[in-house]
């Protein structure tokens, strides 16, 4: 865990970063997405939900559309410009393209196995 996370550029505490870090710490698999797992609000978020559901992975979905500061904050937190963003056991995995590629190659299943995340072994 990066001790500088949770702090803004000024070094002061950033409540949005603290909220993001808490979600990541408290949940083995977290997906910051547009919409909810039941009602994704963009195709990229829907694709990652579809992959995780297909693999039988339990995950926490965080709807960034509910809070504009969270929507911008998650991009700054990871220095990654797009949403959705997937975290597994505290580690940033990537967005839709990376998750899709990892799923298709079998790497995502390997990552879940290495991290001790319960999942269904599947082939793409």
Protein backbone atom coordinates (compact mmCIF):
# COMPACT_ATOMS: atom_id res chain seq x y z
CA UNK A 1 0.00 0.00 0.00
CA UNK A 2 1.30 3.43 -0.94
CA UNK A 3 1.54 5.62 2.20
CA UNK A 4 1.16 8.73 0.03
CA UNK A 5 -2.26 7.60 -1.19
CA UNK A 6 -5.06 9.42 0.53
CA UNK A 7 -3.19 12.69 0.25
CA UNK A 8 -3.77 15.34 -2.38
CA UNK A 9 -1.06 17.17 -4.28
CA UNK A 10 -0.65 19.56 -1.37
CA UNK A 11 0.10 16.62 0.95
CA UNK A 12 -3.10 17.25 2.87
CA UNK A 13 -5.67 14.55 3.50
CA UNK A 14 -8.04 13.92 0.60
CA UNK A 15 -11.42 12.48 1.68
CA UNK A 16 -12.13 11.08 -1.81
CA UNK A 17 -8.80 9.20 -1.89
CA UNK A 18 -9.47 7.96 1.65
CA UNK A 19 -12.89 6.65 0.57
CA UNK A 20 -11.35 4.91 -2.45
CA UNK A 21 -8.59 3.35 -0.33
CA UNK A 22 -11.18 2.16 2.23
CA UNK A 23 -13.23 0.45 -0.51
CA UNK A 24 -10.09 -1.24 -1.84
CA UNK A 25 -8.97 -2.31 1.66
CA UNK A 26 -12.39 -3.64 2.70
CA UNK A 27 -13.27 -5.62 -0.43
CA UNK A 28 -11.15 -8.30 -2.14
CA UNK A 29 -12.47 -7.33 -5.60
CA UNK A 30 -13.71 -3.81 -6.34
CA UNK A 31 -14.97 -2.40 -9.61
CA UNK A 32 -15.27 1.36 -9.90
CA UNK A 33 -17.80 1.68 -12.70
CA UNK A 34 -20.46 3.82 -14.33
CA UNK A 35 -23.78 2.55 -13.02
CA UNK A 36 -24.40 -0.55 -10.94
CA UNK A 37 -23.72 -4.22 -11.55
CA UNK A 38 -27.44 -4.70 -12.24
CA UNK A 39 -27.72 -1.58 -14.43
CA UNK A 40 -24.37 -0.59 -15.96
CA UNK A 41 -24.48 2.84 -17.59
CA UNK A 42 -21.77 2.26 -20.20
CA UNK A 43 -20.71 -0.62 -22.40
CA UNK A 44 -17.21 -0.83 -20.95
CA UNK A 45 -18.51 -1.17 -17.39
CA UNK A 46 -21.08 -3.71 -18.61
CA UNK A 47 -18.32 -5.77 -20.25
CA UNK A 48 -16.24 -6.01 -17.06
CA UNK A 49 -19.34 -6.90 -15.00
CA UNK A 50 -20.13 -9.59 -17.59
CA UNK A 51 -16.63 -11.07 -17.31
CA UNK A 52 -16.61 -11.06 -13.49
CA UNK A 53 -20.11 -12.56 -13.36
CA UNK A 54 -19.19 -15.21 -15.94
CA UNK A 55 -16.19 -16.14 -13.78
CA UNK A 56 -18.35 -16.34 -10.64
CA UNK A 57 -16.35 -13.63 -8.87
CA UNK A 58 -18.01 -11.80 -6.01
CA UNK A 59 -17.18 -8.11 -6.28
CA UNK A 60 -18.11 -4.73 -4.89
CA UNK A 61 -19.37 -2.34 -7.55
CA UNK A 62 -18.89 1.36 -6.81
CA UNK A 63 -21.01 3.67 -8.98
CA UNK A 64 -18.88 6.71 -9.80
CA UNK A 65 -21.87 8.48 -11.37
CA UNK A 66 -23.36 9.03 -7.91
CA UNK A 67 -20.55 11.38 -6.90
CA UNK A 68 -18.69 13.68 -9.34
CA UNK A 69 -15.74 13.99 -6.92
CA UNK A 70 -15.41 10.18 -6.87
CA UNK A 71 -15.67 10.02 -10.67
CA UNK A 72 -12.70 12.40 -11.03
CA UNK A 73 -10.92 11.21 -7.90
CA UNK A 74 -10.59 7.58 -9.02
CA UNK A 75 -8.81 8.75 -12.18
CA UNK A 76 -6.33 10.77 -10.11
CA UNK A 77 -5.94 8.01 -7.53
CA UNK A 78 -4.60 5.56 -10.12
CA UNK A 79 -3.37 8.06 -12.69
CA UNK A 80 -5.57 6.10 -15.13
CA UNK A 81 -7.86 8.20 -17.34
CA UNK A 82 -10.78 5.84 -17.87
CA UNK A 83 -13.55 4.05 -16.00
CA UNK A 84 -14.19 1.20 -15.19
CA UNK A 85 -11.25 0.34 -12.97
CA UNK A 86 -10.78 -3.09 -11.39
CA UNK A 87 -8.89 -3.77 -8.16
CA UNK A 88 -8.03 -7.23 -6.86
CA UNK A 89 -6.74 -7.57 -3.29
CA UNK A 90 -5.65 -3.94 -3.24
CA UNK A 91 -3.90 -4.06 -6.62
CA UNK A 92 -5.06 -1.99 -9.59
CA UNK A 93 -5.56 -4.39 -12.50
CA UNK A 94 -6.78 -2.05 -15.24
CA UNK A 95 -9.76 -0.99 -17.29
CA UNK A 96 -12.04 -2.76 -19.73
CA UNK A 97 -9.47 -3.47 -22.45
CA UNK A 98 -6.89 -4.92 -20.05
CA UNK A 99 -9.47 -6.98 -18.12
CA UNK A 100 -10.89 -8.31 -21.41
CA UNK A 101 -7.42 -9.25 -22.71
CA UNK A 102 -6.52 -10.91 -19.40
CA UNK A 103 -9.79 -12.86 -19.44
CA UNK A 104 -9.25 -14.05 -23.01
CA UNK A 105 -5.66 -15.12 -22.34
CA UNK A 106 -6.46 -16.85 -19.04
CA UNK A 107 -4.35 -14.37 -17.06
CA UNK A 108 -7.35 -13.04 -15.13
CA UNK A 109 -8.14 -16.52 -13.80
CA UNK A 110 -4.48 -16.94 -12.86
CA UNK A 111 -4.53 -13.60 -11.03
CA UNK A 112 -7.64 -14.60 -9.07
CA UNK A 113 -6.04 -17.96 -8.19
CA UNK A 114 -2.77 -16.31 -7.09
CA UNK A 115 -4.64 -13.77 -4.95
CA UNK A 116 -6.93 -16.42 -3.41
CA UNK A 117 -10.10 -15.00 -4.96
CA UNK A 118 -12.84 -17.55 -5.39
CA UNK A 119 -13.81 -17.94 -9.06
CA UNK A 120 -15.01 -20.45 -11.61
CA UNK A 121 -12.29 -21.66 -13.94
CA UNK A 122 -13.51 -20.83 -17.44
CA UNK A 123 -12.17 -20.55 -20.92
CA UNK A 124 -12.86 -17.41 -22.92
